[in-house]
């Protein structure tokens, strides 16, 4: 609509200008709405296309099979964690029982009857431990600490702090030639 068309209809020019301003404002608002709705429609169409592509990726997949596989892995994980807890509790119990070699003693136990109860205590263990301590007592030590150090024979007498070692003795212990010798 133009100003001339309104004035030709007999509308005074001032009123025609106001009517045109109102008309232009309404037209601009409606155009903005159309632009916004067009952008929303394009976004929705793009999202639908993306979702369709994602669904096509799973086309032919056995969803129930995947769910079952996930359940199986979860059960295996829980069983492995439970076995690890039993194994650690068993190690601690054998250390507490002064086992000289935990791995050897564990190998002699019937692990199928040893379980961990809700309180974290081993069941089916104490009977087997008592039998092993009776039958194979050499696998268990007393209260004395195990001698894990190395012994080096120096060929010298020890125990007297005032005793002096000669240079020749020290060289002999170290496998060095005697001073002034032919070696």
Protein backbone atom coordinates (compact mmCIF):
# COMPACT_ATOMS: atom_id res chain seq x y z
CA UNK A 1 0.00 0.00 0.00
CA UNK A 2 1.22 3.48 -0.84
CA UNK A 3 0.41 7.00 0.37
CA UNK A 4 -1.01 8.03 -3.04
CA UNK A 5 -3.51 5.17 -2.98
CA UNK A 6 -4.79 6.32 0.43
CA UNK A 7 -5.04 9.99 -0.54
CA UNK A 8 -6.88 9.03 -3.77
CA UNK A 9 -9.47 7.37 -1.55
CA UNK A 10 -10.05 10.72 0.12
CA UNK A 11 -8.12 10.11 3.32
CA UNK A 12 -6.28 13.22 4.48
CA UNK A 13 -2.50 12.97 3.96
CA UNK A 14 -1.64 13.16 7.68
CA UNK A 15 -3.96 10.28 8.55
CA UNK A 16 -2.76 8.32 5.53
CA UNK A 17 0.87 8.66 6.76
CA UNK A 18 -0.11 7.37 10.22
CA UNK A 19 -2.03 4.48 8.71
CA UNK A 20 0.99 3.59 6.53
CA UNK A 21 3.31 3.65 9.57
CA UNK A 22 0.99 1.32 11.48
CA UNK A 23 0.66 -0.92 8.44
CA UNK A 24 4.46 -1.02 7.96
CA UNK A 25 5.02 -1.87 11.66
CA UNK A 26 2.47 -4.71 11.51
CA UNK A 27 3.94 -5.98 8.25
CA UNK A 28 7.48 -5.96 9.70
CA UNK A 29 6.31 -7.87 12.80
CA UNK A 30 4.57 -10.48 10.65
CA UNK A 31 7.64 -10.82 8.43
CA UNK A 32 9.78 -11.38 11.53
CA UNK A 33 7.39 -14.10 12.70
CA UNK A 34 7.61 -15.80 9.32
CA UNK A 35 11.43 -15.61 9.40
CA UNK A 36 11.52 -17.09 12.92
CA UNK A 37 9.13 -19.91 12.00
CA UNK A 38 11.14 -20.66 8.86
CA UNK A 39 14.33 -20.93 10.95
CA UNK A 40 12.57 -23.23 13.44
CA UNK A 41 11.30 -25.40 10.59
CA UNK A 42 14.79 -25.70 9.08
CA UNK A 43 16.26 -26.63 12.49
CA UNK A 44 13.56 -29.23 13.04
CA UNK A 45 14.16 -30.72 9.60
CA UNK A 46 17.92 -30.88 10.27
CA UNK A 47 17.30 -32.58 13.65
CA UNK A 48 14.95 -35.09 12.03
CA UNK A 49 17.61 -35.87 9.44
CA UNK A 50 20.30 -36.33 12.12
CA UNK A 51 18.05 -38.60 14.19
CA UNK A 52 17.14 -40.62 11.11
CA UNK A 53 20.84 -41.13 10.37
CA UNK A 54 21.46 -42.26 13.96
CA UNK A 55 18.57 -44.72 13.81
CA UNK A 56 19.95 -46.12 10.52
CA UNK A 57 23.23 -46.87 12.31
CA UNK A 58 21.34 -49.28 14.58
CA UNK A 59 19.36 -50.80 11.73
CA UNK A 60 19.88 -54.56 11.89
CA UNK A 61 21.30 -54.47 15.42
CA UNK A 62 19.87 -56.85 17.96
CA UNK A 63 18.99 -54.48 20.79
CA UNK A 64 17.82 -57.30 23.06
CA UNK A 65 21.07 -59.13 22.37
CA UNK A 66 23.04 -56.04 23.33
CA UNK A 67 21.05 -55.71 26.53
CA UNK A 68 21.72 -59.36 27.38
CA UNK A 69 25.44 -58.94 26.62
CA UNK A 70 25.54 -55.93 28.97
CA UNK A 71 23.86 -57.98 31.72
CA UNK A 72 26.33 -60.83 31.17
CA UNK A 73 29.30 -58.45 31.44
CA UNK A 74 27.84 -56.94 34.60
CA UNK A 75 27.47 -60.40 36.16
CA UNK A 76 31.03 -61.31 35.18
CA UNK A 77 32.30 -58.03 36.64
CA UNK A 78 30.44 -58.64 39.92
CA UNK A 79 31.76 -62.21 40.09
CA UNK A 80 35.33 -61.03 39.44
CA UNK A 81 35.07 -58.35 42.13
CA UNK A 82 33.68 -60.90 44.60
CA UNK A 83 36.52 -63.34 43.79
CA UNK A 84 39.06 -60.56 44.25
CA UNK A 85 37.58 -59.69 47.64
CA UNK A 86 37.74 -63.35 48.72
CA UNK A 87 41.31 -63.62 47.45
CA UNK A 88 42.42 -60.51 49.36
CA UNK A 89 40.64 -61.63 52.53
CA UNK A 90 42.30 -65.04 52.17
CA UNK A 91 45.73 -63.42 51.78
CA UNK A 92 45.19 -61.36 54.91
CA UNK A 93 43.97 -64.39 56.88
CA UNK A 94 46.98 -66.46 55.84
CA UNK A 95 49.37 -63.66 56.73
CA UNK A 96 47.63 -63.46 60.11
CA UNK A 97 48.10 -67.24 60.50
CA UNK A 98 51.88 -66.81 59.92
CA UNK A 99 51.94 -68.70 56.64
CA UNK A 100 55.53 -68.85 55.43
CA UNK A 101 54.48 -68.77 51.75
CA UNK A 102 50.93 -67.53 51.18
CA UNK A 103 50.74 -68.68 47.56
CA UNK A 104 51.74 -72.26 48.43
CA UNK A 105 49.23 -72.46 51.27
CA UNK A 106 46.49 -70.98 49.06
CA UNK A 107 47.19 -73.69 46.51
CA UNK A 108 46.48 -76.36 49.12
CA UNK A 109 43.08 -74.92 50.08
CA UNK A 110 39.78 -75.96 48.50
CA UNK A 111 38.76 -72.51 47.26
CA UNK A 112 35.29 -73.69 46.16
CA UNK A 113 34.08 -73.87 49.78
CA UNK A 114 35.64 -70.60 50.93
CA UNK A 115 33.17 -67.72 50.77
CA UNK A 116 32.96 -64.18 52.11
CA UNK A 117 29.88 -63.52 54.24
CA UNK A 118 28.02 -60.22 54.55
CA UNK A 119 30.23 -59.16 57.48
CA UNK A 120 33.39 -59.65 55.42
CA UNK A 121 34.44 -62.83 57.25
CA UNK A 122 35.67 -65.96 55.51
CA UNK A 123 33.53 -69.06 55.85
CA UNK A 124 34.87 -72.54 55.15
CA UNK A 125 38.43 -71.38 55.79
CA UNK A 126 39.20 -72.02 59.45
CA UNK A 127 38.60 -75.79 59.24
CA UNK A 128 40.98 -76.12 56.31
CA UNK A 129 43.55 -73.88 57.99
CA UNK A 130 43.53 -75.99 61.18
CA UNK A 131 43.98 -79.17 59.16
CA UNK A 132 46.90 -77.66 57.22
CA UNK A 133 48.54 -76.36 60.39
CA UNK A 134 48.29 -79.86 61.86
CA UNK A 135 49.28 -81.86 58.76
CA UNK A 136 51.82 -79.45 57.28
CA UNK A 137 52.97 -77.33 60.19
CA UNK A 138 56.25 -76.50 58.46
CA UNK A 139 54.29 -74.13 56.17
CA UNK A 140 53.55 -71.92 59.15
CA UNK A 141 56.04 -70.00 61.26
CA UNK A 142 55.98 -69.13 64.88
CA UNK A 143 56.11 -65.65 66.28
CA UNK A 144 59.76 -65.19 65.31
CA UNK A 145 60.31 -63.03 62.26
CA UNK A 146 61.61 -64.78 59.19
CA UNK A 147 65.31 -64.20 58.51
CA UNK A 148 65.24 -62.48 55.15
CA UNK A 149 68.71 -60.95 55.31
CA UNK A 150 71.81 -62.25 53.58
CA UNK A 151 74.75 -63.63 55.48
CA UNK A 152 78.23 -62.73 54.34
CA UNK A 153 81.12 -64.74 55.73
CA UNK A 154 84.03 -62.38 56.17
CA UNK A 155 86.27 -64.95 57.77
CA UNK A 156 86.64 -62.69 60.80
CA UNK A 157 85.42 -63.02 64.31
CA UNK A 158 82.70 -60.62 65.22
CA UNK A 159 81.43 -59.43 68.52
CA UNK A 160 84.36 -57.62 70.03
CA UNK A 161 84.21 -53.89 69.38
CA UNK A 162 87.79 -53.37 70.51
CA UNK A 163 89.18 -55.93 68.09
CA UNK A 164 91.13 -54.38 65.25
CA UNK A 165 91.29 -55.70 61.72
CA UNK A 166 94.61 -55.57 60.00
CA UNK A 167 95.00 -54.25 56.48
CA UNK A 168 96.08 -57.70 55.31
CA UNK A 169 92.93 -59.26 56.73
CA UNK A 170 90.70 -56.64 55.11
CA UNK A 171 92.44 -57.09 51.74
CA UNK A 172 92.09 -60.87 52.01
CA UNK A 173 88.36 -60.62 52.74
CA UNK A 174 87.88 -58.38 49.70
CA UNK A 175 89.85 -60.72 47.50
CA UNK A 176 92.66 -58.23 46.93
CA UNK A 177 96.33 -59.18 46.75
CA UNK A 178 98.45 -58.71 49.83
CA UNK A 179 100.40 -55.44 49.78
CA UNK A 180 103.82 -55.89 48.31
CA UNK A 181 102.84 -59.34 47.00
CA UNK A 182 103.37 -60.70 43.48
CA UNK A 183 99.70 -60.53 42.58
